[in-house]
All heavy atoms as atom14 arrays in JSON, in Angstrom:
{
  "sequence": "WSKAALRACADGGANHLYHITEGSQDRFLPDYISGDFDSIQPEVKE",
  "atom14_mask": [
    [1, 1, 1, 1, 1, 1, 1, 1, 1, 1, 1, 1, 1, 1],
    [1, 1, 1, 1, 1, 1, 0, 0, 0, 0, 0, 0, 0, 0],
    [1, 1, 1, 1, 1, 1, 1, 1, 1, 0, 0, 0, 0, 0],
    [1, 1, 1, 1, 1, 0, 0, 0, 0, 0, 0, 0, 0, 0],
    [1, 1, 1, 1, 1, 0, 0, 0, 0, 0, 0, 0, 0, 0],
    [1, 1, 1, 1, 1, 1, 1, 1, 0, 0, 0, 0, 0, 0],
    [1, 1, 1, 1, 1, 1, 1, 1, 1, 1, 1, 0, 0, 0],
    [1, 1, 1, 1, 1, 0, 0, 0, 0, 0, 0, 0, 0, 0],
    [1, 1, 1, 1, 1, 1, 0, 0, 0, 0, 0, 0, 0, 0],
    [1, 1, 1, 1, 1, 0, 0, 0, 0, 0, 0, 0, 0, 0],
    [1, 1, 1, 1, 1, 1, 1, 1, 0, 0, 0, 0, 0, 0],
    [1, 1, 1, 1, 0, 0, 0, 0, 0, 0, 0, 0, 0, 0],
    [1, 1, 1, 1, 0, 0, 0, 0, 0, 0, 0, 0, 0, 0],
    [1, 1, 1, 1, 1, 0, 0, 0, 0, 0, 0, 0, 0, 0],
    [1, 1, 1, 1, 1, 1, 1, 1, 0, 0, 0, 0, 0, 0],
    [1, 1, 1, 1, 1, 1, 1, 1, 1, 1, 0, 0, 0, 0],
    [1, 1, 1, 1, 1, 1, 1, 1, 0, 0, 0, 0, 0, 0],
    [1, 1, 1, 1, 1, 1, 1, 1, 1, 1, 1, 1, 0, 0],
    [1, 1, 1, 1, 1, 1, 1, 1, 1, 1, 0, 0, 0, 0],
    [1, 1, 1, 1, 1, 1, 1, 1, 0, 0, 0, 0, 0, 0],
    [1, 1, 1, 1, 1, 1, 1, 0, 0, 0, 0, 0, 0, 0],
    [1, 1, 1, 1, 1, 1, 1, 1, 1, 0, 0, 0, 0, 0],
    [1, 1, 1, 1, 0, 0, 0, 0, 0, 0, 0, 0, 0, 0],
    [1, 1, 1, 1, 1, 1, 0, 0, 0, 0, 0, 0, 0, 0],
    [1, 1, 1, 1, 1, 1, 1, 1, 1, 0, 0, 0, 0, 0],
    [1, 1, 1, 1, 1, 1, 1, 1, 0, 0, 0, 0, 0, 0],
    [1, 1, 1, 1, 1, 1, 1, 1, 1, 1, 1, 0, 0, 0],
    [1, 1, 1, 1, 1, 1, 1, 1, 1, 1, 1, 0, 0, 0],
    [1, 1, 1, 1, 1, 1, 1, 1, 0, 0, 0, 0, 0, 0],
    [1, 1, 1, 1, 1, 1, 1, 0, 0, 0, 0, 0, 0, 0],
    [1, 1, 1, 1, 1, 1, 1, 1, 0, 0, 0, 0, 0, 0],
    [1, 1, 1, 1, 1, 1, 1, 1, 1, 1, 1, 1, 0, 0],
    [1, 1, 1, 1, 1, 1, 1, 1, 0, 0, 0, 0, 0, 0],
    [1, 1, 1, 1, 1, 1, 0, 0, 0, 0, 0, 0, 0, 0],
    [1, 1, 1, 1, 0, 0, 0, 0, 0, 0, 0, 0, 0, 0],
    [1, 1, 1, 1, 1, 1, 1, 1, 0, 0, 0, 0, 0, 0],
    [1, 1, 1, 1, 1, 1, 1, 1, 1, 1, 1, 0, 0, 0],
    [1, 1, 1, 1, 1, 1, 1, 1, 0, 0, 0, 0, 0, 0],
    [1, 1, 1, 1, 1, 1, 0, 0, 0, 0, 0, 0, 0, 0],
    [1, 1, 1, 1, 1, 1, 1, 1, 0, 0, 0, 0, 0, 0],
    [1, 1, 1, 1, 1, 1, 1, 1, 1, 0, 0, 0, 0, 0],
    [1, 1, 1, 1, 1, 1, 1, 0, 0, 0, 0, 0, 0, 0],
    [1, 1, 1, 1, 1, 1, 1, 1, 1, 0, 0, 0, 0, 0],
    [1, 1, 1, 1, 1, 1, 1, 0, 0, 0, 0, 0, 0, 0],
    [1, 1, 1, 1, 1, 1, 1, 1, 1, 0, 0, 0, 0, 0],
    [1, 1, 1, 1, 1, 1, 1, 1, 1, 0, 0, 0, 0, 0]
  ],
  "atom14_positions": [
    [[156.42, 135.49, 66.83], [157.56, 135.65, 67.75], [158.31, 136.97, 67.43], [158.65, 137.71, 68.35], [158.5, 134.46, 67.62], [159.66, 134.54, 68.6], [160.84, 135.2, 68.44], [159.69, 133.97, 69.91], [161.62, 135.06, 69.55], [160.96, 134.28, 70.48], [158.82, 133.18, 70.65], [161.35, 133.88, 71.73], [159.2, 132.76, 71.93], [160.44, 133.11, 72.45]],
    [[158.51, 137.22, 66.15], [159.29, 138.4, 65.78], [158.62, 139.69, 66.14], [159.28, 140.73, 66.31], [159.59, 138.36, 64.28], [158.39, 138.52, 63.52], [0.0, 0.0, 0.0], [0.0, 0.0, 0.0], [0.0, 0.0, 0.0], [0.0, 0.0, 0.0], [0.0, 0.0, 0.0], [0.0, 0.0, 0.0], [0.0, 0.0, 0.0], [0.0, 0.0, 0.0]],
    [[157.3, 139.68, 66.27], [156.54, 140.92, 66.5], [156.11, 141.09, 67.97], [155.69, 142.19, 68.36], [155.3, 140.96, 65.59], [155.63, 141.0, 64.12], [154.38, 140.87, 63.28], [153.4, 141.97, 63.53], [152.17, 141.82, 62.75], [0.0, 0.0, 0.0], [0.0, 0.0, 0.0], [0.0, 0.0, 0.0], [0.0, 0.0, 0.0], [0.0, 0.0, 0.0]],
    [[156.16, 140.04, 68.75], [155.61, 140.06, 70.11], [156.45, 140.94, 71.05], [157.67, 140.92, 71.01], [155.49, 138.67, 70.69], [0.0, 0.0, 0.0], [0.0, 0.0, 0.0], [0.0, 0.0, 0.0], [0.0, 0.0, 0.0], [0.0, 0.0, 0.0], [0.0, 0.0, 0.0], [0.0, 0.0, 0.0], [0.0, 0.0, 0.0], [0.0, 0.0, 0.0]],
    [[155.75, 141.69, 71.91], [156.43, 142.53, 72.92], [156.89, 141.74, 74.12], [157.93, 142.01, 74.72], [155.5, 143.66, 73.36], [0.0, 0.0, 0.0], [0.0, 0.0, 0.0], [0.0, 0.0, 0.0], [0.0, 0.0, 0.0], [0.0, 0.0, 0.0], [0.0, 0.0, 0.0], [0.0, 0.0, 0.0], [0.0, 0.0, 0.0], [0.0, 0.0, 0.0]],
    [[156.13, 140.71, 74.49], [156.48, 139.76, 75.56], [156.13, 138.37, 75.06], [155.16, 138.19, 74.34], [155.68, 140.06, 76.84], [156.16, 141.15, 77.81], [155.17, 141.31, 78.94], [157.55, 140.82, 78.34], [0.0, 0.0, 0.0], [0.0, 0.0, 0.0], [0.0, 0.0, 0.0], [0.0, 0.0, 0.0], [0.0, 0.0, 0.0], [0.0, 0.0, 0.0]],
    [[156.94, 137.4, 75.48], [156.76, 136.01, 75.02], [156.78, 135.08, 76.24], [157.74, 135.12, 77.02], [157.87, 135.63, 74.05], [158.0, 136.62, 72.88], [159.25, 136.38, 72.08], [159.44, 137.33, 71.0], [160.26, 138.35, 71.04], [161.01, 138.56, 72.13], [160.38, 139.16, 70.02], [0.0, 0.0, 0.0], [0.0, 0.0, 0.0], [0.0, 0.0, 0.0]],
    [[155.75, 134.24, 76.37], [155.66, 133.37, 77.53], [155.28, 131.96, 77.09], [154.63, 131.78, 76.05], [154.6, 133.93, 78.49], [0.0, 0.0, 0.0], [0.0, 0.0, 0.0], [0.0, 0.0, 0.0], [0.0, 0.0, 0.0], [0.0, 0.0, 0.0], [0.0, 0.0, 0.0], [0.0, 0.0, 0.0], [0.0, 0.0, 0.0], [0.0, 0.0, 0.0]],
    [[155.65, 131.0, 77.91], [155.25, 129.61, 77.7], [154.5, 129.12, 78.93], [154.92, 129.38, 80.06], [156.46, 128.69, 77.48], [157.38, 129.01, 75.96], [0.0, 0.0, 0.0], [0.0, 0.0, 0.0], [0.0, 0.0, 0.0], [0.0, 0.0, 0.0], [0.0, 0.0, 0.0], [0.0, 0.0, 0.0], [0.0, 0.0, 0.0], [0.0, 0.0, 0.0]],
    [[153.41, 128.43, 78.69], [152.68, 127.78, 79.79], [153.17, 126.35, 79.87], [152.89, 125.53, 79.0], [151.18, 127.8, 79.55], [0.0, 0.0, 0.0], [0.0, 0.0, 0.0], [0.0, 0.0, 0.0], [0.0, 0.0, 0.0], [0.0, 0.0, 0.0], [0.0, 0.0, 0.0], [0.0, 0.0, 0.0], [0.0, 0.0, 0.0], [0.0, 0.0, 0.0]],
    [[153.98, 126.05, 80.87], [154.45, 124.69, 81.18], [154.99, 123.99, 79.95], [156.01, 124.39, 79.39], [153.34, 123.9, 81.85], [153.88, 122.77, 82.74], [155.04, 122.32, 82.53], [153.17, 122.32, 83.65], [0.0, 0.0, 0.0], [0.0, 0.0, 0.0], [0.0, 0.0, 0.0], [0.0, 0.0, 0.0], [0.0, 0.0, 0.0], [0.0, 0.0, 0.0]],
    [[154.32, 122.92, 79.48], [154.81, 122.14, 78.36], [154.87, 122.87, 77.05], [155.45, 122.34, 76.08], [0.0, 0.0, 0.0], [0.0, 0.0, 0.0], [0.0, 0.0, 0.0], [0.0, 0.0, 0.0], [0.0, 0.0, 0.0], [0.0, 0.0, 0.0], [0.0, 0.0, 0.0], [0.0, 0.0, 0.0], [0.0, 0.0, 0.0], [0.0, 0.0, 0.0]],
    [[154.35, 124.07, 76.99], [154.52, 124.87, 75.79], [156.0, 125.11, 75.5], [156.4, 125.25, 74.34], [0.0, 0.0, 0.0], [0.0, 0.0, 0.0], [0.0, 0.0, 0.0], [0.0, 0.0, 0.0], [0.0, 0.0, 0.0], [0.0, 0.0, 0.0], [0.0, 0.0, 0.0], [0.0, 0.0, 0.0], [0.0, 0.0, 0.0], [0.0, 0.0, 0.0]],
    [[156.8, 125.09, 76.57], [158.25, 125.25, 76.39], [158.88, 124.1, 75.61], [159.83, 124.29, 74.9], [158.95, 125.39, 77.76], [0.0, 0.0, 0.0], [0.0, 0.0, 0.0], [0.0, 0.0, 0.0], [0.0, 0.0, 0.0], [0.0, 0.0, 0.0], [0.0, 0.0, 0.0], [0.0, 0.0, 0.0], [0.0, 0.0, 0.0], [0.0, 0.0, 0.0]],
    [[158.27, 122.93, 75.74], [158.77, 121.75, 74.98], [158.63, 122.02, 73.48], [159.57, 121.75, 72.68], [157.99, 120.49, 75.32], [158.1, 120.11, 76.78], [159.08, 120.43, 77.44], [157.09, 119.41, 77.29], [0.0, 0.0, 0.0], [0.0, 0.0, 0.0], [0.0, 0.0, 0.0], [0.0, 0.0, 0.0], [0.0, 0.0, 0.0], [0.0, 0.0, 0.0]],
    [[157.47, 122.53, 73.08], [157.22, 122.79, 71.67], [158.09, 123.93, 71.15], [158.59, 123.85, 70.02], [155.74, 123.08, 71.43], [154.86, 121.93, 71.79], [154.75, 120.79, 71.01], [154.09, 121.69, 72.88], [153.93, 119.94, 71.57], [153.52, 120.44, 72.72], [0.0, 0.0, 0.0], [0.0, 0.0, 0.0], [0.0, 0.0, 0.0], [0.0, 0.0, 0.0]],
    [[158.29, 124.92, 71.95], [159.18, 126.04, 71.58], [160.59, 125.51, 71.38], [161.28, 125.8, 70.37], [159.2, 127.13, 72.67], [160.19, 128.24, 72.45], [159.91, 129.01, 71.19], [160.2, 129.19, 73.67], [0.0, 0.0, 0.0], [0.0, 0.0, 0.0], [0.0, 0.0, 0.0], [0.0, 0.0, 0.0], [0.0, 0.0, 0.0], [0.0, 0.0, 0.0]],
    [[161.08, 124.69, 72.3], [162.43, 124.13, 72.26], [162.63, 123.29, 71.02], [163.67, 123.42, 70.32], [162.65, 123.28, 73.51], [164.03, 122.68, 73.63], [165.09, 123.41, 74.15], [164.26, 121.37, 73.21], [166.35, 122.85, 74.24], [165.52, 120.79, 73.32], [166.57, 121.53, 73.84], [167.83, 120.97, 73.94], [0.0, 0.0, 0.0], [0.0, 0.0, 0.0]],
    [[161.66, 122.45, 70.68], [161.84, 121.51, 69.56], [161.62, 122.18, 68.2], [162.29, 121.83, 67.23], [160.93, 120.29, 69.72], [161.31, 119.45, 70.9], [162.51, 118.79, 70.99], [160.64, 119.13, 72.04], [162.57, 118.12, 72.14], [161.45, 118.34, 72.79], [0.0, 0.0, 0.0], [0.0, 0.0, 0.0], [0.0, 0.0, 0.0], [0.0, 0.0, 0.0]],
    [[160.73, 123.15, 68.13], [160.47, 123.8, 66.85], [161.62, 124.74, 66.46], [161.8, 125.09, 65.29], [159.09, 124.55, 66.86], [158.55, 124.65, 65.42], [159.23, 125.93, 67.49], [157.13, 125.13, 65.35], [0.0, 0.0, 0.0], [0.0, 0.0, 0.0], [0.0, 0.0, 0.0], [0.0, 0.0, 0.0], [0.0, 0.0, 0.0], [0.0, 0.0, 0.0]],
    [[162.42, 125.14, 67.47], [163.57, 126.04, 67.19], [164.89, 125.28, 67.28], [165.94, 125.87, 67.51], [163.57, 127.19, 68.19], [163.64, 126.69, 69.55], [162.32, 128.05, 68.06], [0.0, 0.0, 0.0], [0.0, 0.0, 0.0], [0.0, 0.0, 0.0], [0.0, 0.0, 0.0], [0.0, 0.0, 0.0], [0.0, 0.0, 0.0], [0.0, 0.0, 0.0]],
    [[164.83, 123.96, 67.13], [166.04, 123.11, 67.24], [167.18, 123.67, 66.38], [167.0, 124.02, 65.23], [165.73, 121.69, 66.79], [166.87, 120.74, 67.0], [166.49, 119.29, 66.68], [165.33, 119.06, 66.26], [167.33, 118.41, 66.86], [0.0, 0.0, 0.0], [0.0, 0.0, 0.0], [0.0, 0.0, 0.0], [0.0, 0.0, 0.0], [0.0, 0.0, 0.0]],
    [[168.33, 123.78, 67.01], [169.53, 124.3, 66.36], [169.72, 125.8, 66.54], [170.81, 126.32, 66.3], [0.0, 0.0, 0.0], [0.0, 0.0, 0.0], [0.0, 0.0, 0.0], [0.0, 0.0, 0.0], [0.0, 0.0, 0.0], [0.0, 0.0, 0.0], [0.0, 0.0, 0.0], [0.0, 0.0, 0.0], [0.0, 0.0, 0.0], [0.0, 0.0, 0.0]],
    [[168.68, 126.49, 66.98], [168.79, 127.94, 67.21], [167.99, 128.38, 68.43], [167.47, 129.47, 68.48], [168.31, 128.7, 65.96], [166.98, 128.34, 65.64], [0.0, 0.0, 0.0], [0.0, 0.0, 0.0], [0.0, 0.0, 0.0], [0.0, 0.0, 0.0], [0.0, 0.0, 0.0], [0.0, 0.0, 0.0], [0.0, 0.0, 0.0], [0.0, 0.0, 0.0]],
    [[167.92, 127.47, 69.41], [167.1, 127.76, 70.62], [167.51, 129.05, 71.33], [166.67, 129.75, 71.9], [167.18, 126.58, 71.63], [166.37, 125.37, 71.19], [167.23, 124.31, 70.58], [168.32, 124.64, 70.02], [166.8, 123.07, 70.62], [0.0, 0.0, 0.0], [0.0, 0.0, 0.0], [0.0, 0.0, 0.0], [0.0, 0.0, 0.0], [0.0, 0.0, 0.0]],
    [[168.8, 129.36, 71.31], [169.26, 130.52, 72.06], [168.78, 131.84, 71.45], [168.91, 132.93, 72.04], [170.77, 130.53, 72.19], [171.52, 130.51, 70.86], [170.86, 130.28, 69.83], [172.73, 130.76, 70.84], [0.0, 0.0, 0.0], [0.0, 0.0, 0.0], [0.0, 0.0, 0.0], [0.0, 0.0, 0.0], [0.0, 0.0, 0.0], [0.0, 0.0, 0.0]],
    [[168.2, 131.78, 70.23], [167.63, 132.98, 69.61], [166.14, 133.11, 69.92], [165.51, 134.1, 69.55], [167.8, 132.92, 68.09], [169.26, 133.06, 67.63], [169.4, 132.76, 66.15], [168.34, 133.39, 65.36], [167.83, 132.89, 64.24], [168.27, 131.7, 63.79], [166.91, 133.52, 63.59], [0.0, 0.0, 0.0], [0.0, 0.0, 0.0], [0.0, 0.0, 0.0]],
    [[165.6, 132.12, 70.61], [164.15, 132.11, 70.89], [163.93, 131.8, 72.37], [163.39, 130.75, 72.73], [163.45, 131.08, 70.02], [163.54, 131.37, 68.55], [164.56, 130.81, 67.78], [162.63, 132.21, 67.91], [164.66, 131.07, 66.43], [162.73, 132.48, 66.55], [163.76, 131.9, 65.8], [0.0, 0.0, 0.0], [0.0, 0.0, 0.0], [0.0, 0.0, 0.0]],
    [[164.33, 132.73, 73.22], [164.22, 132.56, 74.66], [163.0, 133.28, 75.17], [162.86, 134.49, 74.96], [165.48, 133.06, 75.38], [166.78, 132.37, 74.98], [167.97, 133.05, 75.7], [166.77, 130.87, 75.27], [0.0, 0.0, 0.0], [0.0, 0.0, 0.0], [0.0, 0.0, 0.0], [0.0, 0.0, 0.0], [0.0, 0.0, 0.0], [0.0, 0.0, 0.0]],
    [[162.08, 132.59, 75.83], [160.88, 133.26, 76.34], [161.21, 134.15, 77.52], [162.2, 133.96, 78.21], [159.97, 132.09, 76.77], [160.95, 131.01, 77.13], [162.1, 131.15, 76.17], [0.0, 0.0, 0.0], [0.0, 0.0, 0.0], [0.0, 0.0, 0.0], [0.0, 0.0, 0.0], [0.0, 0.0, 0.0], [0.0, 0.0, 0.0], [0.0, 0.0, 0.0]],
    [[160.36, 135.17, 77.73], [160.55, 136.04, 78.89], [160.32, 135.28, 80.19], [160.97, 135.54, 81.2], [159.59, 137.24, 78.82], [159.99, 138.18, 77.67], [160.94, 138.94, 77.85], [159.36, 138.11, 76.6], [0.0, 0.0, 0.0], [0.0, 0.0, 0.0], [0.0, 0.0, 0.0], [0.0, 0.0, 0.0], [0.0, 0.0, 0.0], [0.0, 0.0, 0.0]],
    [[159.37, 134.35, 80.16], [159.17, 133.48, 81.35], [158.42, 132.2, 80.94], [157.79, 132.14, 79.87], [158.42, 134.22, 82.46], [156.94, 134.47, 82.17], [155.94, 133.56, 82.52], [156.55, 135.65, 81.55], [154.62, 133.81, 82.26], [155.22, 135.91, 81.29], [154.27, 134.99, 81.64], [152.93, 135.24, 81.37], [0.0, 0.0, 0.0], [0.0, 0.0, 0.0]],
    [[158.54, 131.2, 81.79], [157.81, 129.95, 81.66], [157.11, 129.74, 83.0], [157.71, 129.84, 84.06], [158.73, 128.74, 81.39], [159.53, 128.96, 80.12], [157.94, 127.45, 81.28], [160.7, 128.01, 79.93], [0.0, 0.0, 0.0], [0.0, 0.0, 0.0], [0.0, 0.0, 0.0], [0.0, 0.0, 0.0], [0.0, 0.0, 0.0], [0.0, 0.0, 0.0]],
    [[155.8, 129.49, 82.97], [155.07, 129.28, 84.21], [154.24, 128.02, 84.15], [153.94, 127.49, 83.07], [154.15, 130.5, 84.52], [153.1, 130.56, 83.56], [0.0, 0.0, 0.0], [0.0, 0.0, 0.0], [0.0, 0.0, 0.0], [0.0, 0.0, 0.0], [0.0, 0.0, 0.0], [0.0, 0.0, 0.0], [0.0, 0.0, 0.0], [0.0, 0.0, 0.0]],
    [[153.86, 127.52, 85.34], [153.03, 126.32, 85.42], [153.39, 125.51, 86.63], [154.24, 125.9, 87.44], [0.0, 0.0, 0.0], [0.0, 0.0, 0.0], [0.0, 0.0, 0.0], [0.0, 0.0, 0.0], [0.0, 0.0, 0.0], [0.0, 0.0, 0.0], [0.0, 0.0, 0.0], [0.0, 0.0, 0.0], [0.0, 0.0, 0.0], [0.0, 0.0, 0.0]],
    [[152.75, 124.36, 86.77], [153.08, 123.45, 87.87], [154.24, 122.54, 87.48], [154.71, 121.72, 88.27], [151.88, 122.63, 88.34], [151.2, 121.87, 87.2], [151.79, 121.77, 86.1], [150.08, 121.37, 87.42], [0.0, 0.0, 0.0], [0.0, 0.0, 0.0], [0.0, 0.0, 0.0], [0.0, 0.0, 0.0], [0.0, 0.0, 0.0], [0.0, 0.0, 0.0]],
    [[154.7, 122.67, 86.21], [155.88, 121.97, 85.69], [155.74, 120.45, 85.72], [156.7, 119.73, 85.9], [157.16, 122.44, 86.41], [157.44, 123.89, 86.26], [157.95, 124.63, 87.31], [157.19, 124.55, 85.07], [158.22, 125.99, 87.17], [157.43, 125.91, 84.9], [157.96, 126.63, 85.97], [0.0, 0.0, 0.0], [0.0, 0.0, 0.0], [0.0, 0.0, 0.0]],
    [[154.51, 119.99, 85.46], [154.3, 118.54, 85.34], [154.39, 118.1, 83.89], [154.42, 116.9, 83.6], [152.92, 118.16, 85.9], [151.76, 118.79, 85.15], [151.97, 119.76, 84.39], [150.62, 118.3, 85.3], [0.0, 0.0, 0.0], [0.0, 0.0, 0.0], [0.0, 0.0, 0.0], [0.0, 0.0, 0.0], [0.0, 0.0, 0.0], [0.0, 0.0, 0.0]],
    [[154.5, 119.05, 82.94], [154.56, 118.73, 81.52], [155.9, 119.04, 80.87], [156.31, 118.38, 79.9], [153.45, 119.46, 80.78], [152.18, 119.15, 81.28], [0.0, 0.0, 0.0], [0.0, 0.0, 0.0], [0.0, 0.0, 0.0], [0.0, 0.0, 0.0], [0.0, 0.0, 0.0], [0.0, 0.0, 0.0], [0.0, 0.0, 0.0], [0.0, 0.0, 0.0]],
    [[156.57, 120.05, 81.35], [157.83, 120.46, 80.76], [158.88, 119.34, 80.95], [159.01, 118.75, 82.01], [158.34, 121.78, 81.34], [159.53, 122.33, 80.53], [158.66, 121.67, 82.83], [159.93, 123.73, 80.92], [0.0, 0.0, 0.0], [0.0, 0.0, 0.0], [0.0, 0.0, 0.0], [0.0, 0.0, 0.0], [0.0, 0.0, 0.0], [0.0, 0.0, 0.0]],
    [[159.61, 119.03, 79.9], [160.64, 117.99, 79.96], [161.85, 118.5, 80.8], [162.2, 119.67, 80.68], [161.11, 117.62, 78.56], [160.01, 117.0, 77.73], [160.33, 116.99, 76.21], [161.33, 117.52, 75.78], [159.44, 116.38, 75.44], [0.0, 0.0, 0.0], [0.0, 0.0, 0.0], [0.0, 0.0, 0.0], [0.0, 0.0, 0.0], [0.0, 0.0, 0.0]],
    [[162.4, 117.65, 81.64], [163.5, 118.08, 82.53], [164.64, 118.78, 81.79], [165.15, 119.81, 82.26], [163.96, 116.77, 83.2], [162.75, 115.91, 83.15], [162.05, 116.23, 81.86], [0.0, 0.0, 0.0], [0.0, 0.0, 0.0], [0.0, 0.0, 0.0], [0.0, 0.0, 0.0], [0.0, 0.0, 0.0], [0.0, 0.0, 0.0], [0.0, 0.0, 0.0]],
    [[165.04, 118.23, 80.65], [166.16, 118.82, 79.91], [165.78, 120.19, 79.33], [166.62, 121.09, 79.21], [166.66, 117.89, 78.81], [165.67, 117.61, 77.68], [164.7, 116.46, 77.96], [164.52, 116.08, 79.14], [164.15, 115.94, 76.97], [0.0, 0.0, 0.0], [0.0, 0.0, 0.0], [0.0, 0.0, 0.0], [0.0, 0.0, 0.0], [0.0, 0.0, 0.0]],
    [[164.49, 120.35, 78.97], [164.03, 121.64, 78.47], [164.01, 122.66, 79.56], [164.47, 123.82, 79.4], [162.63, 121.5, 77.81], [162.06, 122.87, 77.43], [162.71, 120.6, 76.59], [0.0, 0.0, 0.0], [0.0, 0.0, 0.0], [0.0, 0.0, 0.0], [0.0, 0.0, 0.0], [0.0, 0.0, 0.0], [0.0, 0.0, 0.0], [0.0, 0.0, 0.0]],
    [[163.51, 122.27, 80.73], [163.46, 123.15, 81.88], [164.86, 123.6, 82.27], [165.11, 124.79, 82.54], [162.79, 122.47, 83.05], [162.61, 123.33, 84.28], [161.91, 122.57, 85.39], [161.73, 123.41, 86.66], [161.1, 122.66, 87.76], [0.0, 0.0, 0.0], [0.0, 0.0, 0.0], [0.0, 0.0, 0.0], [0.0, 0.0, 0.0], [0.0, 0.0, 0.0]],
    [[165.79, 122.66, 82.28], [167.18, 122.98, 82.65], [167.81, 123.91, 81.63], [168.54, 124.85, 82.0], [167.99, 121.68, 82.77], [169.44, 121.89, 83.19], [169.59, 122.52, 84.59], [168.62, 122.44, 85.36], [170.66, 123.08, 84.86], [0.0, 0.0, 0.0], [0.0, 0.0, 0.0], [0.0, 0.0, 0.0], [0.0, 0.0, 0.0], [0.0, 0.0, 0.0]]
  ]
}
């Protein structure tokens, strides 16, 4: 994460990003999240 030029999540990948950065999520914001959004948790998407 610290070295990447762009950071993206494929659908439910955002769930894992959100939970692994618990307590400091605002420091780990992806450039975009894409997918059909059948896997991302509603609260994570919001």
